[in-house]
Structures are given as structure tokens and as C-alpha cells.
């Protein structure tokens, strides 16, 4: 008769070490630090998205009022990513302009 423990443990060994590694990383002060770091990153992403939307809204209001604003400078990361895309031969297509502007010009 074959022992169940001798056939199952070779398969469960790597899983057990992985689970123990996760326990060590997430447990204790270091785990709390990683969790807080992740939450701060998510907060940063949400805040940046919200501020970008506010910036677009302000620019739209200024455009309706006829106020000229300084153009938005591209970030270094955006310029770097565009440069890499050009090197790879892929073109980053810009989104077409809103048709509302054209309709306003036609109607006066």
C-alpha cells in the first residue's frame, strides 16, 4: 500500500515554501510598510487623475471666456515614451479635436 504522505508532500513542498515566504513578507512591520506604500501609490494615481480633469475643465472655461493660457508642458516621461515609440516605429496617434469647436465656428 502506498503512503499518501510520501506521494503528496513532494507536490506541496514548493507551495508551502511560497506561502511561508508570503507570510514573512506581509507579516510584521515590513508588511505594514508595503501595504501603506501601495495605498499611497493608489492615492497618488487617483489624485493625479482628478487634478488632470480639473486642469482640463479650467482650460475649457478659459477658452469659452476668450482667455489665452500658456500651453501645458509635456512631462519628461511623456517625451521619453514618445521618443521610444518613434524609435520602435510606432506612431502615437493623437486624439482628434472635439467637433464642438468646428460647429461653433460655422454658426458664428
C-alpha atoms as a PDB file:
ATOM      1  CA  UNK A   1       0.000   0.000   0.000  1.00  0.00           C
ATOM      2  CA  UNK A   2       1.306   3.435  -0.962  1.00  0.00           C
ATOM      3  CA  UNK A   3       1.549   6.041   1.742  1.00  0.00           C
ATOM      4  CA  UNK A   4      -0.421   9.179   0.972  1.00  0.00           C
ATOM      5  CA  UNK A   5       2.065  11.481   2.704  1.00  0.00           C
ATOM      6  CA  UNK A   6       5.008  10.305   0.623  1.00  0.00           C
ATOM      7  CA  UNK A   7       3.198  10.984  -2.680  1.00  0.00           C
ATOM      8  CA  UNK A   8       1.601  14.344  -1.797  1.00  0.00           C
ATOM      9  CA  UNK A   9       4.425  16.137   0.051  1.00  0.00           C
ATOM     10  CA  UNK A  10       6.734  16.479  -2.970  1.00  0.00           C
ATOM     11  CA  UNK A  11       3.970  18.445  -4.711  1.00  0.00           C
ATOM     12  CA  UNK A  12       3.043  20.547  -1.673  1.00  0.00           C
ATOM     13  CA  UNK A  13       6.632  21.399  -0.755  1.00  0.00           C
ATOM     14  CA  UNK A  14       7.095  24.336  -3.153  1.00  0.00           C
ATOM     15  CA  UNK A  15       3.609  25.654  -2.375  1.00  0.00           C
ATOM     16  CA  UNK A  16       4.364  25.583   1.352  1.00  0.00           C
ATOM     17  CA  UNK A  17       7.619  27.495   0.912  1.00  0.00           C
ATOM     18  CA  UNK A  18       5.834  30.076  -1.230  1.00  0.00           C
ATOM     19  CA  UNK A  19       3.117  30.531   1.393  1.00  0.00           C
ATOM     20  CA  UNK A  20       5.738  30.873   4.137  1.00  0.00           C
ATOM     21  CA  UNK A  21       7.579  33.476   2.067  1.00  0.00           C
ATOM     22  CA  UNK A  22       4.354  35.464   1.651  1.00  0.00           C
ATOM     23  CA  UNK A  23       3.730  35.246   5.405  1.00  0.00           C
ATOM     24  CA  UNK A  24       7.188  36.615   6.137  1.00  0.00           C
ATOM     25  CA  UNK A  25       6.916  39.458   3.584  1.00  0.00           C
ATOM     26  CA  UNK A  26       3.432  40.567   4.534  1.00  0.00           C
ATOM     27  CA  UNK A  27       3.736  39.894   8.229  1.00  0.00           C
ATOM     28  CA  UNK A  28       5.226  42.323  10.692  1.00  0.00           C
ATOM     29  CA  UNK A  29       6.358  45.897  10.247  1.00  0.00           C
ATOM     30  CA  UNK A  30       7.719  45.342   6.751  1.00  0.00           C
ATOM     31  CA  UNK A  31       4.344  44.037   5.577  1.00  0.00           C
ATOM     32  CA  UNK A  32       2.567  47.047   7.029  1.00  0.00           C
ATOM     33  CA  UNK A  33       5.076  49.294   5.263  1.00  0.00           C
ATOM     34  CA  UNK A  34       4.413  47.569   1.916  1.00  0.00           C
ATOM     35  CA  UNK A  35       0.661  47.882   2.351  1.00  0.00           C
ATOM     36  CA  UNK A  36       0.911  51.597   3.224  1.00  0.00           C
ATOM     37  CA  UNK A  37       3.260  52.154   0.284  1.00  0.00           C
ATOM     38  CA  UNK A  38       0.748  50.543  -2.072  1.00  0.00           C
ATOM     39  CA  UNK A  39      -2.128  52.620  -0.653  1.00  0.00           C
ATOM     40  CA  UNK A  40      -0.102  55.836  -1.047  1.00  0.00           C
ATOM     41  CA  UNK A  41       0.639  54.954  -4.668  1.00  0.00           C
ATOM     42  CA  UNK A  42      -3.059  54.348  -5.396  1.00  0.00           C
ATOM     43  CA  UNK A  43      -3.923  57.648  -3.692  1.00  0.00           C
ATOM     44  CA  UNK A  44      -1.338  59.415  -5.854  1.00  0.00           C
ATOM     45  CA  UNK A  45      -2.770  57.916  -9.046  1.00  0.00           C
ATOM     46  CA  UNK A  46      -6.339  58.930  -8.152  1.00  0.00           C
ATOM     47  CA  UNK A  47      -5.252  62.440  -7.120  1.00  0.00           C
ATOM     48  CA  UNK A  48      -3.265  62.936 -10.322  1.00  0.00           C
ATOM     49  CA  UNK A  49      -6.225  61.839 -12.447  1.00  0.00           C
ATOM     50  CA  UNK A  50      -8.531  64.210 -10.589  1.00  0.00           C
ATOM     51  CA  UNK A  51      -6.136  67.150 -10.945  1.00  0.00           C
ATOM     52  CA  UNK A  52      -5.738  66.454 -14.661  1.00  0.00           C
ATOM     53  CA  UNK A  53      -9.512  66.575 -15.105  1.00  0.00           C
ATOM     54  CA  UNK A  54      -9.691  69.853 -13.154  1.00  0.00           C
ATOM     55  CA  UNK A  55      -6.944  71.308 -15.349  1.00  0.00           C
ATOM     56  CA  UNK A  56      -8.874  70.368 -18.487  1.00  0.00           C
ATOM     57  CA  UNK A  57     -12.068  71.898 -17.096  1.00  0.00           C
ATOM     58  CA  UNK A  58     -10.285  75.161 -16.255  1.00  0.00           C
ATOM     59  CA  UNK A  59      -8.788  75.327 -19.726  1.00  0.00           C
ATOM     60  CA  UNK A  60     -12.200  74.714 -21.302  1.00  0.00           C
ATOM     61  CA  UNK A  61     -13.742  77.507 -19.218  1.00  0.00           C
ATOM     62  CA  UNK A  62     -10.895  79.864 -20.075  1.00  0.00           C
ATOM     63  CA  UNK A  63     -11.295  79.063 -23.766  1.00  0.00           C
ATOM     64  CA  UNK A  64     -15.029  79.861 -23.600  1.00  0.00           C
ATOM     65  CA  UNK A  65     -14.241  83.188 -21.934  1.00  0.00           C
ATOM     66  CA  UNK A  66     -11.615  84.008 -24.553  1.00  0.00           C
ATOM     67  CA  UNK A  67      -8.704  83.934 -22.129  1.00  0.00           C
ATOM     68  CA  UNK A  68      -5.429  82.739 -23.559  1.00  0.00           C
ATOM     69  CA  UNK A  69      -3.481  80.384 -21.345  1.00  0.00           C
ATOM     70  CA  UNK A  70       0.053  79.095 -21.519  1.00  0.00           C
ATOM     71  CA  UNK A  71       0.163  75.682 -23.195  1.00  0.00           C
ATOM     72  CA  UNK A  72       0.610  72.631 -20.981  1.00  0.00           C
ATOM     73  CA  UNK A  73       4.202  71.455 -20.927  1.00  0.00           C
ATOM     74  CA  UNK A  74       4.790  67.823 -21.667  1.00  0.00           C
ATOM     75  CA  UNK A  75       6.291  65.819 -18.854  1.00  0.00           C
ATOM     76  CA  UNK A  76       9.690  64.226 -19.218  1.00  0.00           C
ATOM     77  CA  UNK A  77       8.138  60.772 -19.024  1.00  0.00           C
ATOM     78  CA  UNK A  78       5.717  61.558 -21.855  1.00  0.00           C
ATOM     79  CA  UNK A  79       8.526  62.895 -24.044  1.00  0.00           C
ATOM     80  CA  UNK A  80      10.623  59.830 -23.244  1.00  0.00           C
ATOM     81  CA  UNK A  81       7.783  57.440 -24.062  1.00  0.00           C
ATOM     82  CA  UNK A  82       7.087  59.247 -27.353  1.00  0.00           C
ATOM     83  CA  UNK A  83      10.765  59.055 -28.228  1.00  0.00           C
ATOM     84  CA  UNK A  84      10.817  55.316 -27.512  1.00  0.00           C
ATOM     85  CA  UNK A  85       7.664  54.797 -29.605  1.00  0.00           C
ATOM     86  CA  UNK A  86       9.285  56.651 -32.506  1.00  0.00           C
ATOM     87  CA  UNK A  87      12.381  54.506 -32.176  1.00  0.00           C
ATOM     88  CA  UNK A  88      10.261  51.363 -32.311  1.00  0.00           C
ATOM     89  CA  UNK A  89       8.477  52.646 -35.396  1.00  0.00           C
ATOM     90  CA  UNK A  90       5.089  53.014 -33.767  1.00  0.00           C
ATOM     91  CA  UNK A  91       3.298  56.316 -34.127  1.00  0.00           C
ATOM     92  CA  UNK A  92       1.416  57.685 -31.157  1.00  0.00           C
ATOM     93  CA  UNK A  93      -1.795  58.970 -32.691  1.00  0.00           C
ATOM     94  CA  UNK A  94      -3.300  61.986 -31.042  1.00  0.00           C
ATOM     95  CA  UNK A  95      -6.999  62.001 -30.416  1.00  0.00           C
ATOM     96  CA  UNK A  96      -8.975  64.113 -32.894  1.00  0.00           C
ATOM     97  CA  UNK A  97     -10.125  67.524 -31.761  1.00  0.00           C
ATOM     98  CA  UNK A  98     -13.633  67.932 -30.486  1.00  0.00           C
ATOM     99  CA  UNK A  99     -16.243  68.597 -33.193  1.00  0.00           C
ATOM    100  CA  UNK A 100     -17.894  71.217 -30.953  1.00  0.00           C
ATOM    101  CA  UNK A 101     -15.244  73.772 -31.884  1.00  0.00           C
ATOM    102  CA  UNK A 102     -15.936  73.360 -35.587  1.00  0.00           C
ATOM    103  CA  UNK A 103     -19.688  73.637 -35.039  1.00  0.00           C
ATOM    104  CA  UNK A 104     -19.239  76.895 -33.098  1.00  0.00           C
ATOM    105  CA  UNK A 105     -17.105  78.382 -35.895  1.00  0.00           C
ATOM    106  CA  UNK A 106     -19.716  77.500 -38.523  1.00  0.00           C
ATOM    107  CA  UNK A 107     -22.613  79.007 -36.592  1.00  0.00           C
ATOM    108  CA  UNK A 108     -20.714  82.123 -35.688  1.00  0.00           C
END
